[in-house]
Amino acid sequence: MTQIANKHTEVITLACGKSKIGDSSAVRVLCDGLVENKTLKNISLTECDLTDSCAMIVGSFLRGNTSLETVWLSGNKNIGDTGALALLAALSEGDDVNKTLHYIIMGWNGVSPECQEKCARLAHGRMVFLSDECPSINAWILREIE
């Protein structure tokens, strides 16, 4: 997957959803393979059985990334507060915070409501937690208009 994305600069979205790559070594290979990529805008890792360890790897990868705009991580029930806080750190802590990422989209994970609120607040809306009330990014964006 990473070879295709790196070789073909017209590839702007990498959808790995439902691939069950939840092993942290597989996530590390994916992230390491995308380190040099400067054209990828979106990556979907929805329903991939990702864990807190995987989220920590993704968070570390995001610190050095300058092209991604949206990362989809919803439906990974084994990402809890620890993983969410690691992702938040990539957006809000240190000299190497990611300034180009628009959204990390989560939801239907194991993140507590308190941690969701903290992440959404400290990430200034860049961490989105979808739910049954707001099941899509469009519903989430429109939630304050209604």
N, C-alpha and C. Protein backbone atom coordinates (compact mmCIF):
# COMPACT_ATOMS: atom_id res chain seq x y z
N MET A 1 0.81 -1.19 0.00
CA MET A 1 0.00 0.00 0.00
C MET A 1 0.86 1.26 0.00
N THR A 2 1.87 1.27 0.86
CA THR A 2 2.70 2.46 0.95
C THR A 2 3.51 2.67 -0.32
N GLN A 3 3.93 1.58 -0.95
CA GLN A 3 4.68 1.71 -2.20
C GLN A 3 3.82 2.34 -3.28
N ILE A 4 2.56 1.96 -3.34
CA ILE A 4 1.64 2.55 -4.33
C ILE A 4 1.46 4.03 -4.04
N ALA A 5 1.19 4.37 -2.77
CA ALA A 5 0.98 5.78 -2.41
C ALA A 5 2.23 6.60 -2.65
N ASN A 6 3.39 6.04 -2.41
CA ASN A 6 4.64 6.79 -2.59
C ASN A 6 5.04 6.91 -4.05
N LYS A 7 4.75 5.90 -4.85
CA LYS A 7 5.14 5.90 -6.26
C LYS A 7 4.19 6.73 -7.12
N HIS A 8 2.92 6.74 -6.75
CA HIS A 8 1.91 7.44 -7.55
C HIS A 8 1.44 8.68 -6.79
N THR A 9 1.98 9.82 -7.14
CA THR A 9 1.67 11.05 -6.41
C THR A 9 0.23 11.50 -6.59
N GLU A 10 -0.49 10.92 -7.54
CA GLU A 10 -1.91 11.26 -7.70
C GLU A 10 -2.78 10.59 -6.65
N VAL A 11 -2.23 9.63 -5.92
CA VAL A 11 -2.97 8.98 -4.84
C VAL A 11 -3.00 9.93 -3.65
N ILE A 12 -4.21 10.40 -3.30
CA ILE A 12 -4.33 11.32 -2.18
C ILE A 12 -5.09 10.69 -1.00
N THR A 13 -5.70 9.54 -1.23
CA THR A 13 -6.44 8.86 -0.16
C THR A 13 -6.01 7.40 -0.09
N LEU A 14 -5.71 6.97 1.11
CA LEU A 14 -5.35 5.57 1.35
C LEU A 14 -6.39 5.02 2.32
N ALA A 15 -7.24 4.13 1.81
CA ALA A 15 -8.32 3.56 2.62
C ALA A 15 -7.96 2.13 3.00
N CYS A 16 -7.64 1.94 4.26
CA CYS A 16 -7.28 0.63 4.78
C CYS A 16 -8.36 0.07 5.69
N GLY A 17 -9.53 0.68 5.67
CA GLY A 17 -10.61 0.31 6.57
C GLY A 17 -10.95 -1.16 6.52
N LYS A 18 -11.28 -1.69 7.68
CA LYS A 18 -11.68 -3.08 7.88
C LYS A 18 -10.60 -4.08 7.49
N SER A 19 -9.34 -3.64 7.51
CA SER A 19 -8.26 -4.54 7.11
C SER A 19 -7.71 -5.35 8.27
N LYS A 20 -8.16 -5.08 9.49
CA LYS A 20 -7.75 -5.84 10.68
C LYS A 20 -6.24 -5.88 10.84
N ILE A 21 -5.61 -4.72 10.69
CA ILE A 21 -4.15 -4.65 10.83
C ILE A 21 -3.75 -4.30 12.26
N GLY A 22 -4.61 -4.51 13.22
CA GLY A 22 -4.44 -4.09 14.60
C GLY A 22 -3.13 -4.38 15.27
N ASP A 23 -2.28 -5.13 14.69
CA ASP A 23 -0.96 -5.41 15.25
C ASP A 23 -0.11 -4.15 15.16
N SER A 24 0.50 -3.76 16.28
CA SER A 24 1.28 -2.53 16.28
C SER A 24 2.47 -2.59 15.32
N SER A 25 3.02 -3.77 15.08
CA SER A 25 4.15 -3.86 14.13
C SER A 25 3.67 -3.57 12.72
N ALA A 26 2.46 -3.98 12.38
CA ALA A 26 1.91 -3.68 11.05
C ALA A 26 1.65 -2.19 10.89
N VAL A 27 1.15 -1.55 11.94
CA VAL A 27 0.91 -0.11 11.91
C VAL A 27 2.24 0.63 11.79
N ARG A 28 3.26 0.15 12.48
CA ARG A 28 4.58 0.79 12.39
C ARG A 28 5.12 0.69 10.96
N VAL A 29 4.97 -0.47 10.32
CA VAL A 29 5.43 -0.63 8.93
C VAL A 29 4.68 0.34 8.03
N LEU A 30 3.37 0.47 8.22
CA LEU A 30 2.57 1.39 7.42
C LEU A 30 3.06 2.83 7.62
N CYS A 31 3.19 3.26 8.86
CA CYS A 31 3.61 4.63 9.14
C CYS A 31 5.04 4.89 8.66
N ASP A 32 5.94 3.95 8.90
CA ASP A 32 7.33 4.11 8.42
C ASP A 32 7.37 4.22 6.90
N GLY A 33 6.51 3.47 6.24
CA GLY A 33 6.47 3.51 4.78
C GLY A 33 5.93 4.82 4.23
N LEU A 34 5.21 5.58 5.06
CA LEU A 34 4.62 6.84 4.60
C LEU A 34 5.38 8.08 5.07
N VAL A 35 6.48 7.89 5.77
CA VAL A 35 7.23 9.02 6.33
C VAL A 35 7.62 10.03 5.27
N GLU A 36 8.08 9.57 4.14
CA GLU A 36 8.56 10.46 3.08
C GLU A 36 7.45 10.96 2.15
N ASN A 37 6.24 10.42 2.28
CA ASN A 37 5.14 10.79 1.39
C ASN A 37 4.71 12.23 1.66
N LYS A 38 4.61 13.01 0.61
CA LYS A 38 4.23 14.42 0.73
C LYS A 38 2.93 14.75 -0.01
N THR A 39 2.26 13.73 -0.55
CA THR A 39 1.06 13.99 -1.34
C THR A 39 -0.22 13.41 -0.76
N LEU A 40 -0.10 12.46 0.14
CA LEU A 40 -1.27 11.81 0.72
C LEU A 40 -2.01 12.81 1.61
N LYS A 41 -3.33 12.94 1.38
CA LYS A 41 -4.15 13.89 2.14
C LYS A 41 -5.04 13.20 3.17
N ASN A 42 -5.45 11.98 2.89
CA ASN A 42 -6.40 11.28 3.75
C ASN A 42 -5.97 9.84 3.94
N ILE A 43 -6.14 9.36 5.18
CA ILE A 43 -5.90 7.94 5.44
C ILE A 43 -7.03 7.44 6.34
N SER A 44 -7.57 6.31 5.96
CA SER A 44 -8.64 5.69 6.74
C SER A 44 -8.14 4.38 7.33
N LEU A 45 -8.19 4.32 8.65
CA LEU A 45 -7.86 3.10 9.38
C LEU A 45 -9.07 2.73 10.25
N THR A 46 -10.26 2.87 9.68
CA THR A 46 -11.48 2.56 10.42
C THR A 46 -11.65 1.05 10.54
N GLU A 47 -12.13 0.64 11.70
CA GLU A 47 -12.43 -0.76 11.97
C GLU A 47 -11.26 -1.68 11.63
N CYS A 48 -10.08 -1.32 12.09
CA CYS A 48 -8.87 -2.10 11.82
C CYS A 48 -8.35 -2.81 13.07
N ASP A 49 -9.15 -2.86 14.13
CA ASP A 49 -8.73 -3.48 15.39
C ASP A 49 -7.50 -2.81 15.98
N LEU A 50 -7.38 -1.50 15.80
CA LEU A 50 -6.25 -0.78 16.36
C LEU A 50 -6.37 -0.68 17.88
N THR A 51 -5.23 -0.59 18.53
CA THR A 51 -5.15 -0.53 19.98
C THR A 51 -4.53 0.80 20.41
N ASP A 52 -4.41 1.01 21.73
CA ASP A 52 -3.72 2.19 22.23
C ASP A 52 -2.29 2.25 21.70
N SER A 53 -1.61 1.11 21.65
CA SER A 53 -0.24 1.08 21.13
C SER A 53 -0.19 1.53 19.68
N CYS A 54 -1.16 1.10 18.90
CA CYS A 54 -1.24 1.53 17.50
C CYS A 54 -1.47 3.04 17.40
N ALA A 55 -2.37 3.55 18.24
CA ALA A 55 -2.66 4.99 18.24
C ALA A 55 -1.41 5.79 18.62
N MET A 56 -0.61 5.25 19.52
CA MET A 56 0.63 5.93 19.90
C MET A 56 1.59 6.00 18.72
N ILE A 57 1.65 4.95 17.93
CA ILE A 57 2.51 4.93 16.74
C ILE A 57 1.99 5.94 15.72
N VAL A 58 0.68 5.96 15.50
CA VAL A 58 0.08 6.92 14.57
C VAL A 58 0.34 8.35 15.06
N GLY A 59 0.18 8.58 16.35
CA GLY A 59 0.45 9.91 16.91
C GLY A 59 1.88 10.35 16.67
N SER A 60 2.82 9.46 16.87
CA SER A 60 4.22 9.77 16.63
C SER A 60 4.46 10.08 15.16
N PHE A 61 3.86 9.29 14.27
CA PHE A 61 3.97 9.52 12.82
C PHE A 61 3.41 10.89 12.45
N LEU A 62 2.27 11.26 13.05
CA LEU A 62 1.62 12.52 12.70
C LEU A 62 2.47 13.73 13.07
N ARG A 63 3.32 13.61 14.06
CA ARG A 63 4.18 14.73 14.45
C ARG A 63 5.08 15.19 13.31
N GLY A 64 5.53 14.28 12.48
CA GLY A 64 6.43 14.65 11.39
C GLY A 64 5.74 14.81 10.06
N ASN A 65 4.45 14.56 10.01
CA ASN A 65 3.74 14.60 8.74
C ASN A 65 3.27 16.02 8.42
N THR A 66 3.41 16.41 7.16
CA THR A 66 2.98 17.75 6.74
C THR A 66 2.00 17.74 5.58
N SER A 67 1.50 16.55 5.21
CA SER A 67 0.58 16.52 4.08
C SER A 67 -0.83 16.04 4.45
N LEU A 68 -0.94 15.15 5.42
CA LEU A 68 -2.27 14.62 5.76
C LEU A 68 -3.18 15.72 6.29
N GLU A 69 -4.44 15.64 5.85
CA GLU A 69 -5.46 16.58 6.32
C GLU A 69 -6.50 15.87 7.19
N THR A 70 -6.76 14.59 6.90
CA THR A 70 -7.77 13.84 7.65
C THR A 70 -7.28 12.43 7.92
N VAL A 71 -7.42 12.00 9.18
CA VAL A 71 -7.10 10.64 9.59
C VAL A 71 -8.36 10.06 10.22
N TRP A 72 -8.85 8.97 9.66
CA TRP A 72 -10.05 8.30 10.15
C TRP A 72 -9.64 7.11 11.02
N LEU A 73 -10.06 7.13 12.28
CA LEU A 73 -9.74 6.05 13.22
C LEU A 73 -10.99 5.51 13.92
N SER A 74 -12.15 5.79 13.39
CA SER A 74 -13.39 5.36 14.05
C SER A 74 -13.56 3.85 13.98
N GLY A 75 -14.29 3.32 14.94
CA GLY A 75 -14.60 1.89 14.96
C GLY A 75 -13.49 1.00 15.47
N ASN A 76 -12.50 1.58 16.10
CA ASN A 76 -11.41 0.81 16.70
C ASN A 76 -11.65 0.75 18.21
N LYS A 77 -12.38 -0.24 18.63
CA LYS A 77 -12.86 -0.32 20.02
C LYS A 77 -11.75 -0.44 21.04
N ASN A 78 -10.56 -0.83 20.61
CA ASN A 78 -9.44 -0.99 21.55
C ASN A 78 -8.57 0.25 21.67
N ILE A 79 -8.98 1.35 21.04
CA ILE A 79 -8.33 2.63 21.30
C ILE A 79 -9.11 3.27 22.44
N GLY A 80 -8.41 3.46 23.55
CA GLY A 80 -9.02 4.06 24.73
C GLY A 80 -8.42 5.42 25.01
N ASP A 81 -8.52 5.83 26.26
CA ASP A 81 -8.03 7.15 26.66
C ASP A 81 -6.54 7.31 26.39
N THR A 82 -5.75 6.28 26.65
CA THR A 82 -4.30 6.37 26.43
C THR A 82 -3.98 6.66 24.97
N GLY A 83 -4.63 5.97 24.05
CA GLY A 83 -4.41 6.20 22.63
C GLY A 83 -4.89 7.57 22.19
N ALA A 84 -6.06 7.96 22.69
CA ALA A 84 -6.62 9.28 22.33
C ALA A 84 -5.69 10.39 22.80
N LEU A 85 -5.15 10.26 24.00
CA LEU A 85 -4.25 11.29 24.53
C LEU A 85 -2.94 11.34 23.74
N ALA A 86 -2.48 10.20 23.24
CA ALA A 86 -1.28 10.18 22.39
C ALA A 86 -1.54 10.92 21.08
N LEU A 87 -2.72 10.73 20.52
CA LEU A 87 -3.09 11.44 19.30
C LEU A 87 -3.24 12.94 19.57
N LEU A 88 -3.85 13.27 20.70
CA LEU A 88 -4.00 14.67 21.09
C LEU A 88 -2.63 15.34 21.21
N ALA A 89 -1.67 14.66 21.80
CA ALA A 89 -0.33 15.22 21.97
C ALA A 89 0.29 15.60 20.63
N ALA A 90 0.01 14.82 19.59
CA ALA A 90 0.55 15.13 18.26
C ALA A 90 -0.01 16.45 17.72
N LEU A 91 -1.17 16.85 18.23
CA LEU A 91 -1.80 18.09 17.77
C LEU A 91 -1.57 19.28 18.69
N SER A 92 -1.12 19.01 19.93
CA SER A 92 -1.15 20.10 20.89
C SER A 92 0.06 20.26 21.79
N GLU A 93 1.05 19.36 21.72
CA GLU A 93 2.17 19.45 22.66
C GLU A 93 3.51 19.37 21.94
N GLY A 94 4.42 20.24 22.31
CA GLY A 94 5.79 20.17 21.80
C GLY A 94 6.04 21.05 20.59
N ASP A 95 7.30 21.13 20.23
CA ASP A 95 7.72 21.95 19.09
C ASP A 95 7.36 21.31 17.76
N ASP A 96 7.10 20.00 17.77
CA ASP A 96 6.85 19.29 16.52
C ASP A 96 5.37 18.95 16.34
N VAL A 97 4.46 19.76 16.89
CA VAL A 97 3.04 19.46 16.73
C VAL A 97 2.64 19.55 15.27
N ASN A 98 1.66 18.75 14.90
CA ASN A 98 1.16 18.76 13.54
C ASN A 98 0.26 19.97 13.36
N LYS A 99 0.61 20.82 12.42
CA LYS A 99 -0.16 22.04 12.17
C LYS A 99 -1.00 21.94 10.90
N THR A 100 -0.80 20.90 10.12
CA THR A 100 -1.51 20.79 8.85
C THR A 100 -2.73 19.87 8.89
N LEU A 101 -2.80 19.01 9.89
CA LEU A 101 -3.91 18.06 9.98
C LEU A 101 -5.18 18.80 10.39
N HIS A 102 -6.24 18.63 9.60
CA HIS A 102 -7.51 19.28 9.90
C HIS A 102 -8.29 18.48 10.94
N TYR A 103 -8.37 17.15 10.72
CA TYR A 103 -9.19 16.32 11.60
C TYR A 103 -8.58 14.94 11.86
N ILE A 104 -8.68 14.50 13.09
CA ILE A 104 -8.57 13.09 13.45
C ILE A 104 -9.99 12.70 13.80
N ILE A 105 -10.56 11.82 13.02
CA ILE A 105 -11.95 11.44 13.23
C ILE A 105 -12.02 10.11 13.94
N MET A 106 -12.62 10.16 15.12
CA MET A 106 -12.76 8.98 15.94
C MET A 106 -14.24 8.76 16.21
N GLY A 107 -14.53 7.83 17.04
CA GLY A 107 -15.91 7.50 17.40
C GLY A 107 -16.05 6.00 17.44
N TRP A 108 -16.93 5.55 18.27
CA TRP A 108 -17.14 4.11 18.45
C TRP A 108 -15.82 3.44 18.81
N ASN A 109 -15.06 4.15 19.67
CA ASN A 109 -13.82 3.64 20.22
C ASN A 109 -14.05 3.40 21.71
N GLY A 110 -13.00 3.11 22.44
CA GLY A 110 -13.10 2.90 23.87
C GLY A 110 -12.73 4.14 24.67
N VAL A 111 -12.84 5.31 24.09
CA VAL A 111 -12.46 6.56 24.73
C VAL A 111 -13.59 7.03 25.64
N SER A 112 -13.27 7.34 26.88
CA SER A 112 -14.29 7.77 27.83
C SER A 112 -14.86 9.13 27.43
N PRO A 113 -16.11 9.43 27.83
CA PRO A 113 -16.70 10.74 27.52
C PRO A 113 -15.86 11.90 28.05
N GLU A 114 -15.25 11.73 29.22
CA GLU A 114 -14.41 12.80 29.79
C GLU A 114 -13.19 13.04 28.92
N CYS A 115 -12.59 11.98 28.46
CA CYS A 115 -11.40 12.12 27.60
C CYS A 115 -11.79 12.69 26.23
N GLN A 116 -12.93 12.29 25.70
CA GLN A 116 -13.40 12.85 24.43
C GLN A 116 -13.55 14.36 24.53
N GLU A 117 -14.16 14.81 25.63
CA GLU A 117 -14.37 16.25 25.83
C GLU A 117 -13.03 16.97 25.93
N LYS A 118 -12.10 16.40 26.69
CA LYS A 118 -10.77 17.00 26.85
C LYS A 118 -10.05 17.09 25.51
N CYS A 119 -10.07 16.01 24.75
CA CYS A 119 -9.38 15.98 23.45
C CYS A 119 -9.99 16.98 22.48
N ALA A 120 -11.31 17.01 22.40
CA ALA A 120 -11.98 17.94 21.48
C ALA A 120 -11.65 19.39 21.86
N ARG A 121 -11.64 19.68 23.15
CA ARG A 121 -11.36 21.04 23.62
C ARG A 121 -9.90 21.43 23.37
N LEU A 122 -8.96 20.58 23.78
CA LEU A 122 -7.54 20.93 23.65
C LEU A 122 -7.04 20.88 22.21
N ALA A 123 -7.71 20.11 21.37
CA ALA A 123 -7.33 20.06 19.95
C ALA A 123 -8.07 21.11 19.13
N HIS A 124 -8.87 21.94 19.81
CA HIS A 124 -9.60 23.02 19.16
C HIS A 124 -10.45 22.52 18.00
N GLY A 125 -11.17 21.41 18.26
CA GLY A 125 -12.08 20.86 17.27
C GLY A 125 -11.42 20.00 16.20
N ARG A 126 -10.13 19.79 16.30
CA ARG A 126 -9.45 18.98 15.29
C ARG A 126 -9.55 17.49 15.57
N MET A 127 -9.97 17.12 16.79
CA MET A 127 -10.28 15.72 17.11
C MET A 127 -11.79 15.62 17.21
N VAL A 128 -12.36 14.83 16.33
CA VAL A 128 -13.81 14.69 16.23
C VAL A 128 -14.20 13.31 16.73
N PHE A 129 -15.21 13.27 17.59
CA PHE A 129 -15.71 12.00 18.10
C PHE A 129 -17.13 11.81 17.60
N LEU A 130 -17.29 11.00 16.55
CA LEU A 130 -18.60 10.70 16.01
C LEU A 130 -19.37 9.85 17.02
N SER A 131 -20.69 9.90 16.92
CA SER A 131 -21.54 9.14 17.84
C SER A 131 -22.86 8.86 17.15
N ASP A 132 -23.75 8.21 17.85
CA ASP A 132 -25.07 7.94 17.27
C ASP A 132 -25.81 9.24 16.98
N GLU A 133 -25.55 10.30 17.78
CA GLU A 133 -26.19 11.60 17.53
C GLU A 133 -25.56 12.32 16.34
N CYS A 134 -24.29 12.14 16.14
CA CYS A 134 -23.56 12.75 15.02
C CYS A 134 -22.76 11.64 14.32
N PRO A 135 -23.42 10.83 13.50
CA PRO A 135 -22.76 9.65 12.93
C PRO A 135 -21.87 9.91 11.73
N SER A 136 -21.79 11.14 11.26
CA SER A 136 -20.94 11.44 10.11
C SER A 136 -20.23 12.77 10.35
N ILE A 137 -19.20 13.02 9.59
CA ILE A 137 -18.46 14.27 9.73
C ILE A 137 -19.37 15.45 9.37
N ASN A 138 -20.24 15.28 8.39
CA ASN A 138 -21.16 16.37 8.02
C ASN A 138 -22.11 16.67 9.17
N ALA A 139 -22.67 15.63 9.82
CA ALA A 139 -23.56 15.85 10.96
C ALA A 139 -22.80 16.54 12.09
N TRP A 140 -21.55 16.19 12.27
CA TRP A 140 -20.75 16.82 13.33
C TRP A 140 -20.52 18.29 13.03
N ILE A 141 -20.18 18.63 11.79
CA ILE A 141 -19.96 20.02 11.40
C ILE A 141 -21.24 20.82 11.54
N LEU A 142 -22.36 20.23 11.15
CA LEU A 142 -23.65 20.94 11.18
C LEU A 142 -24.28 21.00 12.57
N ARG A 143 -23.76 20.29 13.53
CA ARG A 143 -24.39 20.18 14.85
C ARG A 143 -24.58 21.54 15.53
N GLU A 144 -23.68 22.47 15.30
CA GLU A 144 -23.78 23.77 15.95
C GLU A 144 -24.65 24.75 15.18
N ILE A 145 -24.94 24.44 13.95
CA ILE A 145 -25.77 25.33 13.13
C ILE A 145 -27.25 25.16 13.49
N GLU A 146 -27.63 23.93 13.79
CA GLU A 146 -29.05 23.64 14.04
C GLU A 146 -29.54 24.18 15.35
